[in-house]
Amino acid sequence: MTLSEFFHNQMATWPETAARYADLARVEVRDFGAVSAQYNPARMVSTGAKVDKKTLAQRPCFLCKDHRPEIQQEWAFGEDFDVLVNPFPILPTHFTIAARRHRPQTILDTYATLYELADRFEGTLFFYNGPKCGASAPDHLHFQGGDGSVVPLCRDWRGWTPTTASAPSRTTPSPPWC
């Protein structure tokens, strides 16, 4: 199975999530030179989530298998991770790669997993949100991945040089990891 097939299988069985992906067509993007800002009202549920220690202690972890929606499919990645379709997307195809064991969102001992993901799923962007920089589940190790064609860094990569003063052309080819 490919990531694309996995994604489309999940869209066919999870109408609420499929609707959120359709809503991405209404996302507003504004470019400010080399910076792009995205307004995605459908994402407010996750970006506005309370992530303080007290709230986290009181809620079941939505990345732990026992607390995921029954309709959410998983695809094993190695022995330690599951690939999931992200139900609150920011990318045209958006995955969460969740650790099977509940453990803190830390990167130091999991860099190799990011490389393994990029190697196995060439052409897919993978990234890590630290526990204090936007992760809506700072208490459970996870990565994110998907179609990076809308991410300025991926879209414009080849045009950037150490001396580039402005954003490159929108037709610049993407690097192999986007």
Foldseek 3Di string as FASTA:
>chain_A
DALVVVQVVLCVQDVLLVVLLVQLVVWDWDDDWLDIDIDRVLLCVQQVADDDPVVLVPDDQCLAPVNDPPSWDWDDDPDFWTWTFDSNDPDNTKIKIFGNDFAAADPPVPPVVLVVVCVVRWQKAKAGAALPRRGSCRRTHIIMIGHCLVPSCQQQVVVDDPPDPTTDDSNDHGPRSD
